[in-house]
Amino acid sequence: MRNLLAFLLGVVLTAAAHAASPSSASIDELLAVTKAERLVRGIAANSDAMMRQGVMESLKDIELSARELSTIDAMIAKFVSAMSDEMAWEKLRPMYVQLYQETFSQEEIEGLLVFYKSPTGQAVIEKMPQVTRGIMAMTQARLTPMMQKFRVITQQTLTEMRAEQGAGEQGGQERPK
């Protein structure tokens, strides 16, 4: 009976060891191999251009005064700055580590390391941005009709703002459609 209990305890302890939370060091190695920091920094670097393009696209049918353009540029700069600060790798890395520790076992992290260090894994790492860009382009095409609705809402808001400023102030006027 003792031998059976010792065997069962050994099985339970072995299973628990294999399901153990992965070490921070192994997760850091996985993040390095998968170039997670590069990906995060790349997203942050593109956010300014994407934000500017999206806002200007939504306002393309509206003639804006120099003051309004300046205000919009300042708003975009503030947004990008806040996003860059919040999405900095130094702030995200601990969240990645925690999430990986909660999601994967040490054995799974080790398996991921073997895969991502392989030629196929490296191909996935290098080609995934291209796949992501393709998905984003396809998604963007689907979002175009929604952007028209956004333009209408933006035009209505600017018209209301201008009406509140009073007839005495000069601002930009809507372009004829």
Protein backbone atom coordinates (compact mmCIF):
# COMPACT_ATOMS: atom_id res chain seq x y z
CA MET A 1 0.00 0.00 0.00
CA ARG A 2 2.84 2.39 0.86
CA ASN A 3 4.47 1.72 -2.49
CA LEU A 4 1.23 2.55 -4.28
CA LEU A 5 0.85 5.81 -2.32
CA ALA A 6 4.48 6.72 -3.00
CA PHE A 7 3.99 5.98 -6.69
CA LEU A 8 0.80 8.09 -6.88
CA LEU A 9 2.49 10.94 -5.01
CA GLY A 10 5.40 10.74 -7.44
CA VAL A 11 3.01 10.88 -10.43
CA VAL A 12 1.19 13.89 -8.97
CA LEU A 13 4.45 15.72 -8.20
CA THR A 14 5.84 14.95 -11.65
CA ALA A 15 2.67 16.22 -13.31
CA ALA A 16 2.75 19.35 -11.17
CA ALA A 17 6.39 19.94 -12.10
CA HIS A 18 5.58 19.66 -15.80
CA ALA A 19 2.63 22.03 -15.40
CA ALA A 20 4.69 24.46 -13.36
CA SER A 21 4.52 28.09 -14.20
CA PRO A 22 7.30 29.01 -16.60
CA SER A 23 10.25 31.02 -15.38
CA SER A 24 10.62 34.69 -16.24
CA ALA A 25 13.96 33.86 -17.84
CA SER A 26 12.42 31.34 -20.24
CA ILE A 27 9.66 33.78 -21.17
CA ASP A 28 12.22 36.55 -21.70
CA GLU A 29 14.11 34.18 -24.00
CA LEU A 30 10.89 33.43 -25.92
CA LEU A 31 10.08 37.14 -26.22
CA ALA A 32 13.59 37.77 -27.53
CA VAL A 33 13.45 34.89 -30.03
CA THR A 34 10.04 36.00 -31.30
CA LYS A 35 11.22 39.62 -31.50
CA ALA A 36 8.22 40.80 -29.49
CA GLU A 37 9.89 44.07 -28.51
CA ARG A 38 10.59 44.91 -32.17
CA LEU A 39 6.96 44.23 -33.01
CA VAL A 40 5.68 46.45 -30.20
CA ARG A 41 8.07 49.27 -31.12
CA GLY A 42 7.06 48.98 -34.78
CA ILE A 43 3.41 49.37 -33.92
CA ALA A 44 4.15 52.44 -31.83
CA ALA A 45 6.27 53.94 -34.62
CA ASN A 46 3.44 53.55 -37.13
CA SER A 47 0.73 54.89 -34.85
CA ASP A 48 1.44 58.56 -35.62
CA ALA A 49 1.07 58.14 -39.38
CA MET A 50 -1.96 55.86 -39.04
CA MET A 51 -3.70 58.21 -36.63
CA ARG A 52 -2.98 61.26 -38.78
CA GLN A 53 -4.15 59.47 -41.94
CA GLY A 54 -7.34 58.20 -40.29
CA VAL A 55 -8.31 61.58 -38.87
CA MET A 56 -7.55 63.44 -42.09
CA GLU A 57 -9.47 60.85 -44.11
CA SER A 58 -12.48 61.34 -41.86
CA LEU A 59 -12.26 65.11 -42.39
CA LYS A 60 -11.51 65.11 -46.13
CA ASP A 61 -14.88 66.61 -47.10
CA ILE A 62 -14.59 69.41 -44.57
CA GLU A 63 -12.70 72.63 -45.13
CA LEU A 64 -10.86 73.41 -41.94
CA SER A 65 -9.44 76.71 -40.81
CA ALA A 66 -5.75 76.96 -39.96
CA ARG A 67 -6.71 77.11 -36.28
CA GLU A 68 -8.80 73.94 -36.55
CA LEU A 69 -6.00 72.10 -38.39
CA SER A 70 -3.55 73.21 -35.73
CA THR A 71 -5.87 71.99 -32.98
CA ILE A 72 -6.33 68.64 -34.71
CA ASP A 73 -2.55 68.26 -35.17
CA ALA A 74 -2.01 69.02 -31.49
CA MET A 75 -4.69 66.50 -30.52
CA ILE A 76 -3.07 63.80 -32.66
CA ALA A 77 0.36 64.57 -31.18
CA LYS A 78 -1.04 64.29 -27.65
CA PHE A 79 -2.75 61.01 -28.47
CA VAL A 80 0.38 59.53 -30.05
CA SER A 81 2.51 60.67 -27.12
CA ALA A 82 0.11 59.15 -24.59
CA MET A 83 -0.13 55.93 -26.58
CA SER A 84 3.65 55.69 -26.97
CA ASP A 85 4.08 56.18 -23.25
CA GLU A 86 1.48 53.59 -22.29
CA MET A 87 2.54 51.08 -24.94
CA ALA A 88 6.29 51.33 -24.21
CA TRP A 89 7.98 47.94 -24.14
CA GLU A 90 9.25 48.62 -20.63
CA LYS A 91 5.63 48.79 -19.43
CA LEU A 92 4.31 45.95 -21.59
CA ARG A 93 7.03 43.36 -20.93
CA PRO A 94 5.91 42.60 -17.35
CA MET A 95 2.35 42.10 -18.63
CA TYR A 96 3.62 39.73 -21.33
CA VAL A 97 5.57 37.75 -18.74
CA GLN A 98 2.56 37.54 -16.41
CA LEU A 99 0.21 36.50 -19.20
CA TYR A 100 2.61 33.86 -20.49
CA GLN A 101 3.08 32.54 -16.95
CA GLU A 102 -0.69 32.31 -16.49
CA THR A 103 -1.24 30.72 -19.89
CA PHE A 104 1.66 28.34 -20.57
CA SER A 105 3.53 25.71 -18.63
CA GLN A 106 7.33 25.62 -18.56
CA GLU A 107 7.21 22.62 -20.88
CA GLU A 108 5.06 24.52 -23.38
CA ILE A 109 7.40 27.53 -23.30
CA GLU A 110 10.31 25.20 -23.96
CA GLY A 111 8.40 23.69 -26.90
CA LEU A 112 7.68 27.17 -28.26
CA LEU A 113 11.36 28.02 -27.96
CA VAL A 114 12.30 24.92 -29.96
CA PHE A 115 9.75 25.84 -32.63
CA TYR A 116 10.62 29.53 -32.90
CA LYS A 117 14.34 28.79 -33.02
CA SER A 118 13.76 26.41 -35.95
CA PRO A 119 13.87 27.64 -39.58
CA THR A 120 10.07 27.30 -39.80
CA GLY A 121 9.58 29.25 -36.58
CA GLN A 122 11.92 31.98 -37.80
CA ALA A 123 9.96 32.12 -41.08
CA VAL A 124 6.75 32.59 -39.09
CA ILE A 125 8.35 35.42 -37.11
CA GLU A 126 9.66 37.16 -40.23
CA LYS A 127 6.54 36.68 -42.38
CA MET A 128 3.83 37.31 -39.79
CA PRO A 129 4.06 41.11 -40.21
CA GLN A 130 3.31 40.62 -43.93
CA VAL A 131 0.31 38.43 -43.07
CA THR A 132 -0.85 41.01 -40.54
CA ARG A 133 -0.54 43.83 -43.10
CA GLY A 134 -2.61 41.79 -45.56
CA ILE A 135 -5.30 41.18 -42.96
CA MET A 136 -5.30 44.86 -42.05
CA ALA A 137 -5.68 45.85 -45.71
CA MET A 138 -8.61 43.48 -46.13
CA THR A 139 -10.18 44.76 -42.94
CA GLN A 140 -9.63 48.37 -44.01
CA ALA A 141 -11.58 47.72 -47.20
CA ARG A 142 -14.48 46.53 -45.10
CA LEU A 143 -14.26 49.58 -42.85
CA THR A 144 -14.49 52.13 -45.69
CA PRO A 145 -18.30 52.33 -45.54
CA MET A 146 -18.09 52.92 -41.79
CA MET A 147 -15.68 55.80 -42.36
CA GLN A 148 -18.32 57.58 -44.44
CA LYS A 149 -20.65 57.48 -41.44
CA PHE A 150 -17.82 58.85 -39.29
CA ARG A 151 -17.36 61.74 -41.76
CA VAL A 152 -21.05 62.63 -41.52
CA ILE A 153 -20.93 62.64 -37.72
CA THR A 154 -17.75 64.75 -37.76
CA GLN A 155 -19.31 67.24 -40.19
CA GLN A 156 -22.41 67.55 -38.04
CA THR A 157 -20.29 68.12 -34.93
CA LEU A 158 -18.18 70.82 -36.59
CA THR A 159 -21.29 72.52 -37.96
CA GLU A 160 -22.81 72.55 -34.47
CA MET A 161 -19.55 73.89 -32.99
CA ARG A 162 -19.40 76.66 -35.54
CA ALA A 163 -23.03 77.60 -34.99
CA GLU A 164 -22.37 77.92 -31.26
CA GLN A 165 -19.42 80.24 -31.92
CA GLY A 166 -21.84 82.72 -33.35
CA ALA A 167 -22.24 84.42 -36.66
CA GLY A 168 -19.61 87.06 -35.85
CA GLU A 169 -16.65 84.65 -35.75
CA GLN A 170 -15.11 83.47 -38.97
CA GLY A 171 -14.19 79.81 -39.25
CA GLY A 172 -13.78 77.28 -41.99
CA GLN A 173 -16.81 76.45 -44.11
CA GLU A 174 -17.96 73.10 -45.38
CA ARG A 175 -16.91 72.27 -48.89
CA PRO A 176 -19.71 71.70 -51.35
CA LYS A 177 -20.20 68.01 -52.06
